[in-house]
Amino acid sequence: MADEFMKGFGILVTTSLLWMVTAGWYKTPSFEGDQLLGPAPEEPDIYAQLSLVIGDALLWFGLIAALVFWVVVPMINEFQAYRDERSS
């Protein structure tokens, strides 16, 4: 169980860090206003658009992967153990 936790935690930390970098570059207009969750630039070039898409994809990948490793994989393992115990 500890290996699933660390896999999910590692993915969550890595993707969150990369999301914060892209959000800090492109979604922080000033230090007095919204930071990391501010509006995207109005006229982004192709690299900014690509970075924003990658940042959002990393955020969702990290959240979903952490939930999969912390909830779904242990549930599958418990179900398989229950099924094996019941069949014998």
N, C-alpha and C. Protein backbone atom coordinates (compact mmCIF):
# COMPACT_ATOMS: atom_id res chain seq x y z
N MET A 1 0.81 -1.20 0.00
CA MET A 1 0.00 0.00 0.00
C MET A 1 0.85 1.26 0.00
N ALA A 2 2.01 1.18 0.60
CA ALA A 2 2.86 2.37 0.67
C ALA A 2 3.39 2.75 -0.70
N ASP A 3 3.61 1.76 -1.58
CA ASP A 3 4.12 2.10 -2.89
C ASP A 3 3.07 2.83 -3.73
N GLU A 4 1.79 2.45 -3.60
CA GLU A 4 0.75 3.19 -4.31
C GLU A 4 0.63 4.62 -3.79
N PHE A 5 0.76 4.77 -2.47
CA PHE A 5 0.69 6.12 -1.90
C PHE A 5 1.82 6.99 -2.43
N MET A 6 3.03 6.43 -2.46
CA MET A 6 4.18 7.23 -2.91
C MET A 6 4.12 7.52 -4.41
N LYS A 7 3.59 6.60 -5.20
CA LYS A 7 3.42 6.87 -6.62
C LYS A 7 2.45 8.03 -6.83
N GLY A 8 1.32 7.98 -6.17
CA GLY A 8 0.34 9.06 -6.28
C GLY A 8 0.88 10.37 -5.75
N PHE A 9 1.58 10.31 -4.64
CA PHE A 9 2.15 11.52 -4.04
C PHE A 9 3.23 12.13 -4.94
N GLY A 10 4.07 11.29 -5.51
CA GLY A 10 5.12 11.78 -6.40
C GLY A 10 4.55 12.44 -7.65
N ILE A 11 3.55 11.81 -8.23
CA ILE A 11 2.91 12.40 -9.41
C ILE A 11 2.23 13.70 -9.04
N LEU A 12 1.52 13.74 -7.91
CA LEU A 12 0.82 14.96 -7.49
C LEU A 12 1.80 16.10 -7.24
N VAL A 13 2.89 15.82 -6.55
CA VAL A 13 3.86 16.87 -6.24
C VAL A 13 4.53 17.39 -7.51
N THR A 14 4.93 16.49 -8.38
CA THR A 14 5.62 16.89 -9.61
C THR A 14 4.71 17.71 -10.52
N THR A 15 3.50 17.23 -10.75
CA THR A 15 2.59 17.96 -11.62
C THR A 15 2.14 19.28 -11.00
N SER A 16 1.99 19.31 -9.69
CA SER A 16 1.61 20.57 -9.03
C SER A 16 2.72 21.60 -9.15
N LEU A 17 3.95 21.17 -9.01
CA LEU A 17 5.07 22.09 -9.16
C LEU A 17 5.13 22.64 -10.58
N LEU A 18 4.98 21.78 -11.56
CA LEU A 18 5.02 22.25 -12.95
C LEU A 18 3.81 23.15 -13.26
N TRP A 19 2.64 22.84 -12.69
CA TRP A 19 1.49 23.71 -12.88
C TRP A 19 1.74 25.09 -12.25
N MET A 20 2.34 25.12 -11.06
CA MET A 20 2.63 26.40 -10.42
C MET A 20 3.62 27.22 -11.24
N VAL A 21 4.57 26.58 -11.88
CA VAL A 21 5.53 27.31 -12.72
C VAL A 21 4.81 27.93 -13.91
N THR A 22 4.00 27.16 -14.61
CA THR A 22 3.30 27.72 -15.77
C THR A 22 2.27 28.77 -15.35
N ALA A 23 1.58 28.54 -14.25
CA ALA A 23 0.61 29.52 -13.78
C ALA A 23 1.32 30.79 -13.31
N GLY A 24 2.46 30.65 -12.70
CA GLY A 24 3.22 31.82 -12.26
C GLY A 24 3.72 32.66 -13.42
N TRP A 25 4.09 32.01 -14.51
CA TRP A 25 4.57 32.74 -15.67
C TRP A 25 3.44 33.43 -16.42
N TYR A 26 2.31 32.75 -16.57
CA TYR A 26 1.27 33.25 -17.47
C TYR A 26 0.00 33.73 -16.79
N LYS A 27 -0.25 33.37 -15.56
CA LYS A 27 -1.52 33.74 -14.92
C LYS A 27 -1.32 34.62 -13.69
N THR A 28 -0.16 35.24 -13.55
CA THR A 28 0.08 36.16 -12.45
C THR A 28 0.37 37.53 -13.04
N PRO A 29 -0.67 38.37 -13.22
CA PRO A 29 -0.44 39.67 -13.83
C PRO A 29 0.33 40.64 -12.93
N SER A 30 0.09 40.56 -11.63
CA SER A 30 0.80 41.44 -10.70
C SER A 30 0.84 40.75 -9.34
N PHE A 31 1.69 41.26 -8.48
CA PHE A 31 1.80 40.65 -7.15
C PHE A 31 0.73 41.17 -6.20
N GLU A 32 0.02 42.22 -6.56
CA GLU A 32 -1.03 42.75 -5.71
C GLU A 32 -2.37 42.07 -5.95
N GLY A 33 -2.58 41.52 -7.13
CA GLY A 33 -3.87 40.93 -7.48
C GLY A 33 -3.85 39.42 -7.36
N ASP A 34 -4.63 38.80 -8.23
CA ASP A 34 -4.71 37.34 -8.25
C ASP A 34 -3.36 36.74 -8.64
N GLN A 35 -2.99 35.70 -7.94
CA GLN A 35 -1.76 34.99 -8.26
C GLN A 35 -2.09 33.53 -8.52
N LEU A 36 -1.54 33.00 -9.57
CA LEU A 36 -1.69 31.62 -10.02
C LEU A 36 -3.08 31.30 -10.55
N LEU A 37 -4.08 32.02 -10.15
CA LEU A 37 -5.43 31.78 -10.63
C LEU A 37 -6.01 32.98 -11.36
N GLY A 38 -5.14 33.89 -11.76
CA GLY A 38 -5.59 35.06 -12.50
C GLY A 38 -6.01 34.69 -13.91
N PRO A 39 -6.51 35.66 -14.63
CA PRO A 39 -6.94 35.37 -16.01
C PRO A 39 -5.73 35.11 -16.90
N ALA A 40 -5.96 34.31 -17.92
CA ALA A 40 -4.90 34.04 -18.90
C ALA A 40 -4.68 35.30 -19.75
N PRO A 41 -3.54 35.44 -20.38
CA PRO A 41 -3.31 36.60 -21.23
C PRO A 41 -4.34 36.67 -22.36
N GLU A 42 -4.69 37.89 -22.74
CA GLU A 42 -5.74 38.06 -23.75
C GLU A 42 -5.27 37.68 -25.15
N GLU A 43 -4.06 38.00 -25.50
CA GLU A 43 -3.52 37.69 -26.83
C GLU A 43 -2.25 36.84 -26.69
N PRO A 44 -2.38 35.58 -26.26
CA PRO A 44 -1.17 34.77 -26.08
C PRO A 44 -0.61 34.30 -27.42
N ASP A 45 0.71 34.21 -27.50
CA ASP A 45 1.31 33.64 -28.70
C ASP A 45 1.21 32.12 -28.62
N ILE A 46 1.77 31.44 -29.61
CA ILE A 46 1.61 29.99 -29.69
C ILE A 46 2.29 29.29 -28.51
N TYR A 47 3.43 29.81 -28.05
CA TYR A 47 4.11 29.19 -26.92
C TYR A 47 3.34 29.38 -25.61
N ALA A 48 2.74 30.54 -25.45
CA ALA A 48 1.93 30.77 -24.25
C ALA A 48 0.69 29.89 -24.26
N GLN A 49 0.06 29.73 -25.42
CA GLN A 49 -1.10 28.86 -25.52
C GLN A 49 -0.72 27.41 -25.19
N LEU A 50 0.40 26.98 -25.74
CA LEU A 50 0.87 25.62 -25.48
C LEU A 50 1.18 25.42 -23.99
N SER A 51 1.82 26.40 -23.39
CA SER A 51 2.14 26.31 -21.96
C SER A 51 0.89 26.29 -21.10
N LEU A 52 -0.10 27.08 -21.44
CA LEU A 52 -1.34 27.09 -20.67
C LEU A 52 -2.08 25.75 -20.78
N VAL A 53 -2.10 25.18 -21.97
CA VAL A 53 -2.75 23.88 -22.15
C VAL A 53 -2.00 22.80 -21.38
N ILE A 54 -0.67 22.81 -21.48
CA ILE A 54 0.13 21.83 -20.75
C ILE A 54 -0.05 21.99 -19.24
N GLY A 55 -0.08 23.23 -18.76
CA GLY A 55 -0.27 23.48 -17.33
C GLY A 55 -1.60 22.95 -16.83
N ASP A 56 -2.66 23.22 -17.58
CA ASP A 56 -3.98 22.71 -17.17
C ASP A 56 -4.03 21.19 -17.24
N ALA A 57 -3.42 20.61 -18.26
CA ALA A 57 -3.39 19.15 -18.38
C ALA A 57 -2.61 18.53 -17.23
N LEU A 58 -1.50 19.16 -16.84
CA LEU A 58 -0.73 18.65 -15.71
C LEU A 58 -1.52 18.70 -14.42
N LEU A 59 -2.26 19.77 -14.21
CA LEU A 59 -3.07 19.89 -13.00
C LEU A 59 -4.09 18.75 -12.91
N TRP A 60 -4.83 18.53 -13.98
CA TRP A 60 -5.86 17.50 -13.96
C TRP A 60 -5.25 16.10 -13.93
N PHE A 61 -4.13 15.90 -14.64
CA PHE A 61 -3.46 14.60 -14.59
C PHE A 61 -3.00 14.29 -13.17
N GLY A 62 -2.44 15.27 -12.49
CA GLY A 62 -1.97 15.05 -11.12
C GLY A 62 -3.10 14.71 -10.17
N LEU A 63 -4.19 15.44 -10.27
CA LEU A 63 -5.33 15.18 -9.38
C LEU A 63 -5.95 13.81 -9.63
N ILE A 64 -6.15 13.48 -10.90
CA ILE A 64 -6.77 12.20 -11.23
C ILE A 64 -5.84 11.04 -10.90
N ALA A 65 -4.56 11.19 -11.19
CA ALA A 65 -3.60 10.11 -10.90
C ALA A 65 -3.50 9.87 -9.40
N ALA A 66 -3.49 10.93 -8.61
CA ALA A 66 -3.42 10.74 -7.16
C ALA A 66 -4.66 10.01 -6.65
N LEU A 67 -5.83 10.38 -7.14
CA LEU A 67 -7.04 9.68 -6.73
C LEU A 67 -7.04 8.23 -7.16
N VAL A 68 -6.52 7.96 -8.36
CA VAL A 68 -6.46 6.58 -8.83
C VAL A 68 -5.53 5.75 -7.94
N PHE A 69 -4.34 6.27 -7.65
CA PHE A 69 -3.39 5.51 -6.84
C PHE A 69 -3.81 5.43 -5.38
N TRP A 70 -4.55 6.40 -4.88
CA TRP A 70 -4.93 6.40 -3.47
C TRP A 70 -6.26 5.73 -3.20
N VAL A 71 -7.15 5.69 -4.20
CA VAL A 71 -8.49 5.15 -3.96
C VAL A 71 -8.77 3.93 -4.82
N VAL A 72 -8.60 4.05 -6.13
CA VAL A 72 -9.03 2.99 -7.04
C VAL A 72 -8.15 1.75 -6.93
N VAL A 73 -6.83 1.91 -6.97
CA VAL A 73 -5.93 0.75 -6.90
C VAL A 73 -6.09 0.00 -5.57
N PRO A 74 -6.13 0.67 -4.41
CA PRO A 74 -6.37 -0.09 -3.17
C PRO A 74 -7.74 -0.79 -3.14
N MET A 75 -8.77 -0.16 -3.74
CA MET A 75 -10.07 -0.82 -3.79
C MET A 75 -10.02 -2.07 -4.64
N ILE A 76 -9.31 -2.01 -5.76
CA ILE A 76 -9.18 -3.20 -6.62
C ILE A 76 -8.42 -4.29 -5.89
N ASN A 77 -7.34 -3.93 -5.20
CA ASN A 77 -6.58 -4.93 -4.44
C ASN A 77 -7.42 -5.57 -3.34
N GLU A 78 -8.19 -4.76 -2.63
CA GLU A 78 -9.05 -5.30 -1.58
C GLU A 78 -10.14 -6.20 -2.16
N PHE A 79 -10.69 -5.81 -3.30
CA PHE A 79 -11.72 -6.63 -3.93
C PHE A 79 -11.14 -7.96 -4.39
N GLN A 80 -9.93 -7.94 -4.95
CA GLN A 80 -9.30 -9.20 -5.38
C GLN A 80 -8.99 -10.09 -4.17
N ALA A 81 -8.52 -9.52 -3.09
CA ALA A 81 -8.26 -10.31 -1.89
C ALA A 81 -9.56 -10.89 -1.34
N TYR A 82 -10.63 -10.11 -1.33
CA TYR A 82 -11.94 -10.60 -0.88
C TYR A 82 -12.44 -11.72 -1.76
N ARG A 83 -12.29 -11.57 -3.08
CA ARG A 83 -12.75 -12.58 -4.02
C ARG A 83 -11.94 -13.88 -3.86
N ASP A 84 -10.63 -13.75 -3.69
CA ASP A 84 -9.80 -14.94 -3.50
C ASP A 84 -10.12 -15.64 -2.18
N GLU A 85 -10.36 -14.87 -1.14
CA GLU A 85 -10.71 -15.45 0.17
C GLU A 85 -12.06 -16.15 0.11
N ARG A 86 -13.00 -15.56 -0.58
CA ARG A 86 -14.33 -16.14 -0.67
C ARG A 86 -14.36 -17.40 -1.54
N SER A 87 -13.52 -17.46 -2.57
CA SER A 87 -13.52 -18.61 -3.46
C SER A 87 -12.83 -19.82 -2.84
N SER A 88 -11.99 -19.59 -1.86
CA SER A 88 -11.29 -20.75 -1.26
C SER A 88 -11.97 -21.27 -0.03
